[in-house]
Amino acid sequence: GCITARANAAAKAGAKIFVSFHLNAASSAAKGAEVIIPNYNWKSEVGAQGRELATKILNELSSIGLYNRQRFFKRTYHGCTAMRHDPEYKYPDGSLEDWFTVQVANKRNGIPGIIVEHAFLTNSGDVNNFLNNEAGLKKLGVADATGIAKYLGLAKTGERVNVAEGTYVFSSALNANKVLSIQNDGF
């Protein structure tokens, strides 16, 4: 399906990770963030990578005030969100497949695929703190990006600059003294 095509396109492009971003909902008073990670069946190293990536992102989401609901493997059918209706799908080694295509398709490509469930649309605290305002949404995005960067071993370099709105060409992102050259094309 569509997710498998995305996973294959990501692998073809050389992706090291696959992150699917979502918002949660529940009939209970549930709140906070959780991440669905690949299981340790077949290609267990991919499961370990998914766990590490999820941990880094959850640490960042917790640091901005979201309740940490932890990481988990999806093993059984749960409501209408399931992609599969037969829990007996097996990996090539005969072990039980992950439930969601994000994990299955990416694991087949040797890439950890995770689903980040950020906050609950059904929790007024989550909504008011993060979901119904630009500042809150930006905090979520920055937390995701920071967790991913930490997992990949990336660090911020240089200074932040503000530029007028328009179209720019980043012509020399990694030149010798790590200064970003910006040319305004006049659009």
Protein backbone atom coordinates (compact mmCIF):
# COMPACT_ATOMS: atom_id res chain seq x y z
CA GLY A 1 0.00 0.00 0.00
CA CYS A 2 0.83 3.67 0.30
CA ILE A 3 2.98 3.27 3.42
CA THR A 4 5.01 0.47 1.83
CA ALA A 5 5.64 2.70 -1.19
CA ARG A 6 6.80 5.51 1.11
CA ALA A 7 9.06 3.12 3.02
CA ASN A 8 10.61 1.85 -0.21
CA ALA A 9 11.09 5.39 -1.51
CA ALA A 10 12.80 6.34 1.76
CA ALA A 11 15.12 3.32 1.55
CA LYS A 12 15.93 4.08 -2.09
CA ALA A 13 16.81 7.66 -1.08
CA GLY A 14 19.22 6.35 1.56
CA ALA A 15 17.13 7.08 4.65
CA LYS A 16 18.50 5.87 7.98
CA ILE A 17 15.18 6.22 9.84
CA PHE A 18 11.46 6.48 9.07
CA VAL A 19 9.32 8.56 11.42
CA SER A 20 5.53 8.81 11.10
CA PHE A 21 3.99 11.70 13.07
CA HIS A 22 0.50 11.44 14.57
CA LEU A 23 -1.85 12.91 17.16
CA ASN A 24 -3.66 10.54 19.51
CA ALA A 25 -7.26 10.27 20.71
CA ALA A 26 -8.97 8.20 23.38
CA SER A 27 -12.28 7.86 25.19
CA SER A 28 -10.45 7.99 28.53
CA ALA A 29 -8.46 10.75 30.24
CA ALA A 30 -5.29 9.61 28.46
CA LYS A 31 -2.65 12.27 27.88
CA GLY A 32 0.90 12.66 26.66
CA ALA A 33 3.18 11.15 24.04
CA GLU A 34 3.99 7.56 23.13
CA VAL A 35 5.94 5.88 20.35
CA ILE A 36 5.21 2.61 18.60
CA ILE A 37 8.50 0.87 17.81
CA PRO A 38 9.51 -2.24 15.84
CA ASN A 39 9.62 -5.51 17.76
CA TYR A 40 12.80 -7.52 18.29
CA ASN A 41 11.64 -10.42 16.12
CA TRP A 42 13.71 -10.79 12.93
CA LYS A 43 16.37 -8.10 12.41
CA SER A 44 16.49 -7.41 16.16
CA GLU A 45 19.08 -4.67 15.57
CA VAL A 46 16.37 -2.67 13.77
CA GLY A 47 14.17 -3.08 16.84
CA ALA A 48 17.01 -1.82 19.03
CA GLN A 49 17.56 1.18 16.75
CA GLY A 50 13.84 1.99 16.84
CA ARG A 51 13.86 1.81 20.63
CA GLU A 52 16.85 4.19 20.83
CA LEU A 53 15.31 6.65 18.35
CA ALA A 54 11.98 6.57 20.22
CA THR A 55 13.74 7.16 23.54
CA LYS A 56 15.57 10.23 22.21
CA ILE A 57 12.34 11.74 20.84
CA LEU A 58 10.32 10.93 23.98
CA ASN A 59 13.03 12.51 26.15
CA GLU A 60 12.64 15.74 24.19
CA LEU A 61 8.83 15.62 24.24
CA SER A 62 8.94 15.02 28.01
CA SER A 63 11.31 17.96 28.48
CA ILE A 64 8.70 20.35 27.02
CA GLY A 65 6.04 19.06 29.41
CA LEU A 66 4.26 16.19 27.67
CA TYR A 67 3.53 13.17 29.86
CA ASN A 68 5.74 10.24 28.76
CA ARG A 69 3.58 7.21 27.97
CA GLN A 70 6.71 5.28 26.88
CA ARG A 71 7.43 3.12 23.82
CA PHE A 72 5.73 -0.13 22.95
CA PHE A 73 5.39 -2.83 20.32
CA LYS A 74 1.97 -3.18 18.74
CA ARG A 75 1.01 -6.83 19.12
CA THR A 76 -2.76 -7.14 19.01
CA TYR A 77 -5.76 -5.66 17.27
CA HIS A 78 -6.89 -2.44 18.94
CA GLY A 79 -9.87 -0.58 17.58
CA CYS A 80 -10.09 0.82 14.07
CA THR A 81 -6.49 2.02 13.88
CA ALA A 82 -5.01 -1.35 13.01
CA MET A 83 -3.63 -1.84 9.51
CA ARG A 84 -3.90 -5.62 9.69
CA HIS A 85 -6.79 -7.83 10.70
CA ASP A 86 -4.80 -11.06 10.93
CA PRO A 87 -2.24 -11.06 13.77
CA GLU A 88 -0.60 -14.18 12.34
CA TYR A 89 1.53 -12.51 9.68
CA LYS A 90 5.09 -13.80 9.95
CA TYR A 91 8.55 -12.46 9.12
CA PRO A 92 10.80 -14.62 6.90
CA ASP A 93 12.27 -16.35 9.97
CA GLY A 94 8.80 -17.44 11.11
CA SER A 95 8.54 -14.93 13.98
CA LEU A 96 5.48 -12.75 14.48
CA GLU A 97 5.43 -9.58 12.37
CA ASP A 98 4.92 -6.13 13.78
CA TRP A 99 1.32 -4.94 13.55
CA PHE A 100 1.71 -1.71 11.59
CA THR A 101 3.06 -1.40 8.06
CA VAL A 102 5.36 1.45 9.20
CA GLN A 103 7.34 -1.09 11.22
CA VAL A 104 7.02 -4.06 8.82
CA ALA A 105 7.87 -2.34 5.52
CA ASN A 106 10.80 -0.41 6.98
CA LYS A 107 12.18 -3.43 8.83
CA ARG A 108 12.22 -5.34 5.54
CA ASN A 109 14.51 -2.53 4.28
CA GLY A 110 16.67 -2.62 7.42
CA ILE A 111 15.41 0.76 8.67
CA PRO A 112 13.73 1.46 12.03
CA GLY A 113 10.20 2.73 11.41
CA ILE A 114 8.45 4.40 14.33
CA ILE A 115 5.09 6.06 14.93
CA VAL A 116 5.18 9.09 17.21
CA GLU A 117 1.83 9.79 18.87
CA HIS A 118 2.35 13.31 20.17
CA ALA A 119 -0.56 14.32 22.32
CA PHE A 120 -4.26 13.58 22.74
CA LEU A 121 -6.85 15.57 20.82
CA THR A 122 -9.25 14.33 23.51
CA ASN A 123 -7.27 15.78 26.45
CA SER A 124 -7.88 19.48 27.18
CA GLY A 125 -4.45 19.92 28.78
CA ASP A 126 -2.64 18.51 25.74
CA VAL A 127 -4.84 20.58 23.42
CA ASN A 128 -4.36 23.85 25.29
CA ASN A 129 -0.64 23.37 25.92
CA PHE A 130 0.38 22.07 22.50
CA LEU A 131 -2.27 21.59 19.85
CA ASN A 132 -4.42 24.71 19.56
CA ASN A 133 -1.64 27.28 19.23
CA GLU A 134 1.37 27.88 16.98
CA ALA A 135 3.83 28.08 19.89
CA GLY A 136 2.78 24.66 21.18
CA LEU A 137 2.94 23.05 17.75
CA LYS A 138 6.37 24.56 17.18
CA LYS A 139 7.56 23.10 20.51
CA LEU A 140 6.46 19.64 19.33
CA GLY A 141 8.28 20.05 16.01
CA VAL A 142 11.47 21.29 17.64
CA ALA A 143 11.35 18.41 20.16
CA ASP A 144 10.94 15.87 17.32
CA ALA A 145 13.77 17.41 15.33
CA THR A 146 16.06 17.60 18.36
CA GLY A 147 15.42 13.95 19.28
CA ILE A 148 16.09 12.85 15.71
CA ALA A 149 19.25 14.97 15.51
CA LYS A 150 20.54 13.48 18.77
CA TYR A 151 19.86 9.96 17.51
CA LEU A 152 21.73 10.69 14.27
CA GLY A 153 24.59 12.38 16.15
CA LEU A 154 23.97 15.78 14.57
CA ALA A 155 24.76 19.03 16.33
CA LYS A 156 23.80 22.64 15.67
CA THR A 157 26.58 24.78 14.23
CA GLY A 158 26.82 28.45 13.42
CA GLU A 159 24.50 31.26 14.37
CA ARG A 160 20.82 31.70 13.74
CA VAL A 161 20.01 34.35 11.17
CA ASN A 162 16.72 35.93 10.19
CA VAL A 163 16.18 36.73 6.52
CA ALA A 164 13.38 38.44 4.65
CA GLU A 165 10.77 36.11 3.20
CA GLY A 166 11.59 34.88 -0.26
CA THR A 167 13.32 32.12 -2.18
CA TYR A 168 16.97 31.53 -1.42
CA VAL A 169 19.67 29.24 -2.72
CA PHE A 170 21.89 27.63 -0.09
CA SER A 171 25.00 27.45 -2.20
CA SER A 172 27.66 26.45 0.28
CA ALA A 173 26.24 24.73 3.35
CA LEU A 174 29.44 22.91 4.24
CA ASN A 175 32.24 25.14 3.07
CA ALA A 176 35.55 25.24 4.94
CA ASN A 177 34.61 27.64 7.73
CA LYS A 178 31.02 26.36 8.03
CA VAL A 179 29.40 29.65 7.09
CA LEU A 180 26.17 29.41 5.15
CA SER A 181 26.15 31.54 2.03
CA ILE A 182 22.72 32.95 1.19
CA GLN A 183 21.90 34.47 -2.17
CA ASN A 184 18.59 36.24 -2.64
CA ASP A 185 17.32 35.38 -6.11
CA GLY A 186 14.94 38.33 -6.01
CA PHE A 187 11.69 36.41 -5.83
